[in-house]
């Protein structure tokens, strides 16, 4: 039977096949590395997405 694990363990390591960059308006935008399509834009906070690598 599956279990939920330890409380507070969360994600271990980086999210695969995704990257993020900062748009000109200051929002962080998440992109699928395989297809290059935009997945999500973070407007709730100025902080970047957690666990997603940044593009150079």
PDB file of N, CA and C in Angstrom:
ATOM      1  N   UNK A   1       0.840  -1.180   0.000  1.00  0.00           N
ATOM      2  CA  UNK A   1       0.000   0.000   0.000  1.00  0.00           C
ATOM      3  C   UNK A   1       0.886   1.244   0.000  1.00  0.00           C
ATOM      4  N   UNK A   2       0.499   2.242  -0.748  1.00  0.00           N
ATOM      5  CA  UNK A   2       1.277   3.471  -0.846  1.00  0.00           C
ATOM      6  C   UNK A   2       1.105   4.305   0.421  1.00  0.00           C
ATOM      7  N   UNK A   3       2.163   5.011   0.769  1.00  0.00           N
ATOM      8  CA  UNK A   3       2.104   5.894   1.939  1.00  0.00           C
ATOM      9  C   UNK A   3       2.496   7.303   1.521  1.00  0.00           C
ATOM     10  N   UNK A   4       2.202   8.235   2.368  1.00  0.00           N
ATOM     11  CA  UNK A   4       2.502   9.631   2.069  1.00  0.00           C
ATOM     12  C   UNK A   4       3.919  10.033   2.452  1.00  0.00           C
ATOM     13  N   UNK A   5       4.634   9.192   3.178  1.00  0.00           N
ATOM     14  CA  UNK A   5       5.992   9.535   3.574  1.00  0.00           C
ATOM     15  C   UNK A   5       6.025  10.432   4.796  1.00  0.00           C
ATOM     16  N   UNK A   6       7.220  10.942   5.100  1.00  0.00           N
ATOM     17  CA  UNK A   6       7.374  11.795   6.267  1.00  0.00           C
ATOM     18  C   UNK A   6       6.771  13.175   6.005  1.00  0.00           C
ATOM     19  N   UNK A   7       6.149  13.751   6.996  1.00  0.00           N
ATOM     20  CA  UNK A   7       5.632  15.112   6.816  1.00  0.00           C
ATOM     21  C   UNK A   7       6.772  16.095   6.585  1.00  0.00           C
ATOM     22  N   UNK A   8       6.603  16.990   5.635  1.00  0.00           N
ATOM     23  CA  UNK A   8       7.596  18.008   5.364  1.00  0.00           C
ATOM     24  C   UNK A   8       8.737  17.557   4.480  1.00  0.00           C
ATOM     25  N   UNK A   9       8.716  16.319   3.985  1.00  0.00           N
ATOM     26  CA  UNK A   9       9.800  15.825   3.138  1.00  0.00           C
ATOM     27  C   UNK A   9       9.814  16.571   1.808  1.00  0.00           C
ATOM     28  N   UNK A  10       8.661  16.708   1.173  1.00  0.00           N
ATOM     29  CA  UNK A  10       8.556  17.472  -0.063  1.00  0.00           C
ATOM     30  C   UNK A  10       9.348  16.871  -1.207  1.00  0.00           C
ATOM     31  N   UNK A  11       9.611  17.683  -2.206  1.00  0.00           N
ATOM     32  CA  UNK A  11      10.320  17.248  -3.397  1.00  0.00           C
ATOM     33  C   UNK A  11      11.812  17.145  -3.089  1.00  0.00           C
ATOM     34  N   UNK A  12      12.452  16.131  -3.642  1.00  0.00           N
ATOM     35  CA  UNK A  12      13.892  15.971  -3.498  1.00  0.00           C
ATOM     36  C   UNK A  12      14.506  16.151  -4.872  1.00  0.00           C
ATOM     37  N   UNK A  13      15.337  17.181  -5.048  1.00  0.00           N
ATOM     38  CA  UNK A  13      15.973  17.428  -6.336  1.00  0.00           C
ATOM     39  C   UNK A  13      15.158  18.356  -7.216  1.00  0.00           C
ATOM     40  N   UNK A  14      15.656  18.571  -8.407  1.00  0.00           N
ATOM     41  CA  UNK A  14      15.035  19.512  -9.337  1.00  0.00           C
ATOM     42  C   UNK A  14      13.912  18.857 -10.124  1.00  0.00           C
ATOM     43  N   UNK A  15      12.998  19.670 -10.613  1.00  0.00           N
ATOM     44  CA  UNK A  15      11.933  19.211 -11.506  1.00  0.00           C
ATOM     45  C   UNK A  15      12.559  18.950 -12.865  1.00  0.00           C
ATOM     46  N   UNK A  16      12.292  17.799 -13.462  1.00  0.00           N
ATOM     47  CA  UNK A  16      12.901  17.423 -14.744  1.00  0.00           C
ATOM     48  C   UNK A  16      12.174  18.051 -15.923  1.00  0.00           C
ATOM     49  N   UNK A  17      12.918  18.307 -16.989  1.00  0.00           N
ATOM     50  CA  UNK A  17      12.372  18.750 -18.276  1.00  0.00           C
ATOM     51  C   UNK A  17      11.605  20.067 -18.191  1.00  0.00           C
ATOM     52  N   UNK A  18      11.982  20.929 -17.249  1.00  0.00           N
ATOM     53  CA  UNK A  18      11.362  22.243 -17.167  1.00  0.00           C
ATOM     54  C   UNK A  18      12.434  23.279 -16.866  1.00  0.00           C
ATOM     55  N   UNK A  19      12.197  24.489 -17.310  1.00  0.00           N
ATOM     56  CA  UNK A  19      13.103  25.594 -17.013  1.00  0.00           C
ATOM     57  C   UNK A  19      12.250  26.840 -16.833  1.00  0.00           C
ATOM     58  N   UNK A  20      12.866  27.891 -16.294  1.00  0.00           N
ATOM     59  CA  UNK A  20      12.125  29.123 -16.083  1.00  0.00           C
ATOM     60  C   UNK A  20      12.989  30.318 -16.456  1.00  0.00           C
ATOM     61  N   UNK A  21      12.317  31.394 -16.797  1.00  0.00           N
ATOM     62  CA  UNK A  21      13.003  32.641 -17.102  1.00  0.00           C
ATOM     63  C   UNK A  21      12.126  33.780 -16.615  1.00  0.00           C
ATOM     64  N   UNK A  22      12.723  34.950 -16.476  1.00  0.00           N
ATOM     65  CA  UNK A  22      11.982  36.115 -16.025  1.00  0.00           C
ATOM     66  C   UNK A  22      11.563  36.938 -17.232  1.00  0.00           C
ATOM     67  N   UNK A  23      10.269  37.141 -17.360  1.00  0.00           N
ATOM     68  CA  UNK A  23       9.710  37.909 -18.470  1.00  0.00           C
ATOM     69  C   UNK A  23      10.022  39.394 -18.279  1.00  0.00           C
ATOM     70  N   UNK A  24       9.908  40.183 -19.330  1.00  0.00           N
ATOM     71  CA  UNK A  24      10.174  41.624 -19.217  1.00  0.00           C
ATOM     72  C   UNK A  24       9.285  42.329 -18.190  1.00  0.00           C
ATOM     73  N   UNK A  25       8.093  41.789 -17.931  1.00  0.00           N
ATOM     74  CA  UNK A  25       7.207  42.415 -16.943  1.00  0.00           C
ATOM     75  C   UNK A  25       7.566  42.023 -15.510  1.00  0.00           C
ATOM     76  N   UNK A  26       8.597  41.177 -15.319  1.00  0.00           N
ATOM     77  CA  UNK A  26       9.055  40.800 -13.995  1.00  0.00           C
ATOM     78  C   UNK A  26       8.509  39.482 -13.486  1.00  0.00           C
ATOM     79  N   UNK A  27       7.523  38.900 -14.170  1.00  0.00           N
ATOM     80  CA  UNK A  27       6.960  37.615 -13.749  1.00  0.00           C
ATOM     81  C   UNK A  27       7.865  36.470 -14.178  1.00  0.00           C
ATOM     82  N   UNK A  28       7.885  35.397 -13.385  1.00  0.00           N
ATOM     83  CA  UNK A  28       8.635  34.194 -13.750  1.00  0.00           C
ATOM     84  C   UNK A  28       7.749  33.313 -14.604  1.00  0.00           C
ATOM     85  N   UNK A  29       8.297  32.794 -15.694  1.00  0.00           N
ATOM     86  CA  UNK A  29       7.553  31.983 -16.648  1.00  0.00           C
ATOM     87  C   UNK A  29       8.217  30.613 -16.740  1.00  0.00           C
ATOM     88  N   UNK A  30       7.397  29.550 -16.635  1.00  0.00           N
ATOM     89  CA  UNK A  30       7.897  28.180 -16.675  1.00  0.00           C
ATOM     90  C   UNK A  30       7.717  27.632 -18.086  1.00  0.00           C
ATOM     91  N   UNK A  31       8.749  26.927 -18.598  1.00  0.00           N
ATOM     92  CA  UNK A  31       8.741  26.418 -19.963  1.00  0.00           C
ATOM     93  C   UNK A  31       9.055  24.924 -19.959  1.00  0.00           C
ATOM     94  N   UNK A  32       8.407  24.171 -20.834  1.00  0.00           N
ATOM     95  CA  UNK A  32       8.711  22.756 -21.036  1.00  0.00           C
ATOM     96  C   UNK A  32       9.964  22.659 -21.891  1.00  0.00           C
ATOM     97  N   UNK A  33      11.008  22.021 -21.383  1.00  0.00           N
ATOM     98  CA  UNK A  33      12.281  21.966 -22.102  1.00  0.00           C
ATOM     99  C   UNK A  33      12.210  21.106 -23.357  1.00  0.00           C
ATOM    100  N   UNK A  34      11.326  20.120 -23.388  1.00  0.00           N
ATOM    101  CA  UNK A  34      11.231  19.237 -24.553  1.00  0.00           C
ATOM    102  C   UNK A  34      10.590  19.937 -25.742  1.00  0.00           C
ATOM    103  N   UNK A  35       9.478  20.615 -25.515  1.00  0.00           N
ATOM    104  CA  UNK A  35       8.738  21.227 -26.618  1.00  0.00           C
ATOM    105  C   UNK A  35       8.998  22.720 -26.736  1.00  0.00           C
ATOM    106  N   UNK A  36       9.463  23.365 -25.679  1.00  0.00           N
ATOM    107  CA  UNK A  36       9.686  24.803 -25.690  1.00  0.00           C
ATOM    108  C   UNK A  36       8.433  25.614 -25.422  1.00  0.00           C
ATOM    109  N   UNK A  37       7.309  24.942 -25.158  1.00  0.00           N
ATOM    110  CA  UNK A  37       6.053  25.646 -24.918  1.00  0.00           C
ATOM    111  C   UNK A  37       6.008  26.235 -23.512  1.00  0.00           C
ATOM    112  N   UNK A  38       5.371  27.378 -23.387  1.00  0.00           N
ATOM    113  CA  UNK A  38       5.184  28.039 -22.094  1.00  0.00           C
ATOM    114  C   UNK A  38       4.115  27.262 -21.324  1.00  0.00           C
ATOM    115  N   UNK A  39       4.407  26.970 -20.064  1.00  0.00           N
ATOM    116  CA  UNK A  39       3.478  26.184 -19.260  1.00  0.00           C
ATOM    117  C   UNK A  39       2.690  27.039 -18.276  1.00  0.00           C
ATOM    118  N   UNK A  40       3.388  27.968 -17.598  1.00  0.00           N
ATOM    119  CA  UNK A  40       2.756  28.688 -16.503  1.00  0.00           C
ATOM    120  C   UNK A  40       3.490  29.999 -16.284  1.00  0.00           C
ATOM    121  N   UNK A  41       2.788  30.964 -15.705  1.00  0.00           N
ATOM    122  CA  UNK A  41       3.396  32.245 -15.355  1.00  0.00           C
ATOM    123  C   UNK A  41       3.035  32.524 -13.910  1.00  0.00           C
ATOM    124  N   UNK A  42       4.024  32.878 -13.116  1.00  0.00           N
ATOM    125  CA  UNK A  42       3.799  33.101 -11.694  1.00  0.00           C
ATOM    126  C   UNK A  42       3.532  34.581 -11.443  1.00  0.00           C
ATOM    127  N   UNK A  43       2.311  34.883 -10.988  1.00  0.00           N
ATOM    128  CA  UNK A  43       1.932  36.261 -10.717  1.00  0.00           C
ATOM    129  C   UNK A  43       1.660  36.500  -9.243  1.00  0.00           C
ATOM    130  N   UNK A  44       1.643  35.429  -8.433  1.00  0.00           N
ATOM    131  CA  UNK A  44       1.288  35.565  -7.024  1.00  0.00           C
ATOM    132  C   UNK A  44       2.421  36.128  -6.181  1.00  0.00           C
ATOM    133  N   UNK A  45       3.650  35.986  -6.646  1.00  0.00           N
ATOM    134  CA  UNK A  45       4.804  36.401  -5.853  1.00  0.00           C
ATOM    135  C   UNK A  45       5.957  36.733  -6.793  1.00  0.00           C
ATOM    136  N   UNK A  46       6.848  37.630  -6.393  1.00  0.00           N
ATOM    137  CA  UNK A  46       8.002  37.932  -7.252  1.00  0.00           C
ATOM    138  C   UNK A  46       9.099  36.868  -7.186  1.00  0.00           C
ATOM    139  N   UNK A  47       8.954  35.867  -6.320  1.00  0.00           N
ATOM    140  CA  UNK A  47       9.955  34.802  -6.191  1.00  0.00           C
ATOM    141  C   UNK A  47       9.817  33.810  -7.341  1.00  0.00           C
ATOM    142  N   UNK A  48      10.928  33.192  -7.777  1.00  0.00           N
ATOM    143  CA  UNK A  48      10.843  32.206  -8.857  1.00  0.00           C
ATOM    144  C   UNK A  48      10.179  30.912  -8.390  1.00  0.00           C
ATOM    145  N   UNK A  49       9.832  30.045  -9.353  1.00  0.00           N
ATOM    146  CA  UNK A  49       9.280  28.737  -9.041  1.00  0.00           C
ATOM    147  C   UNK A  49      10.307  27.929  -8.266  1.00  0.00           C
ATOM    148  N   UNK A  50       9.845  27.102  -7.328  1.00  0.00           N
ATOM    149  CA  UNK A  50      10.762  26.286  -6.546  1.00  0.00           C
ATOM    150  C   UNK A  50      11.158  25.041  -7.327  1.00  0.00           C
ATOM    151  N   UNK A  51      12.433  24.711  -7.305  1.00  0.00           N
ATOM    152  CA  UNK A  51      12.903  23.462  -7.870  1.00  0.00           C
ATOM    153  C   UNK A  51      12.996  23.416  -9.379  1.00  0.00           C
ATOM    154  N   UNK A  52      12.797  24.547 -10.058  1.00  0.00           N
ATOM    155  CA  UNK A  52      12.859  24.577 -11.517  1.00  0.00           C
ATOM    156  C   UNK A  52      14.108  25.354 -11.920  1.00  0.00           C
ATOM    157  N   UNK A  53      14.910  24.769 -12.789  1.00  0.00           N
ATOM    158  CA  UNK A  53      16.172  25.424 -13.193  1.00  0.00           C
ATOM    159  C   UNK A  53      15.903  26.698 -13.966  1.00  0.00           C
ATOM    160  N   UNK A  54      16.825  27.629 -13.874  1.00  0.00           N
ATOM    161  CA  UNK A  54      16.700  28.908 -14.564  1.00  0.00           C
ATOM    162  C   UNK A  54      17.450  28.865 -15.893  1.00  0.00           C
ATOM    163  N   UNK A  55      16.877  29.500 -16.912  1.00  0.00           N
ATOM    164  CA  UNK A  55      17.542  29.580 -18.209  1.00  0.00           C
ATOM    165  C   UNK A  55      18.600  30.668 -18.165  1.00  0.00           C
ATOM    166  N   UNK A  56      19.632  30.512 -18.969  1.00  0.00           N
ATOM    167  CA  UNK A  56      20.693  31.515 -19.014  1.00  0.00           C
ATOM    168  C   UNK A  56      20.539  32.403 -20.220  1.00  0.00           C
TER     169      UNK A  56
END
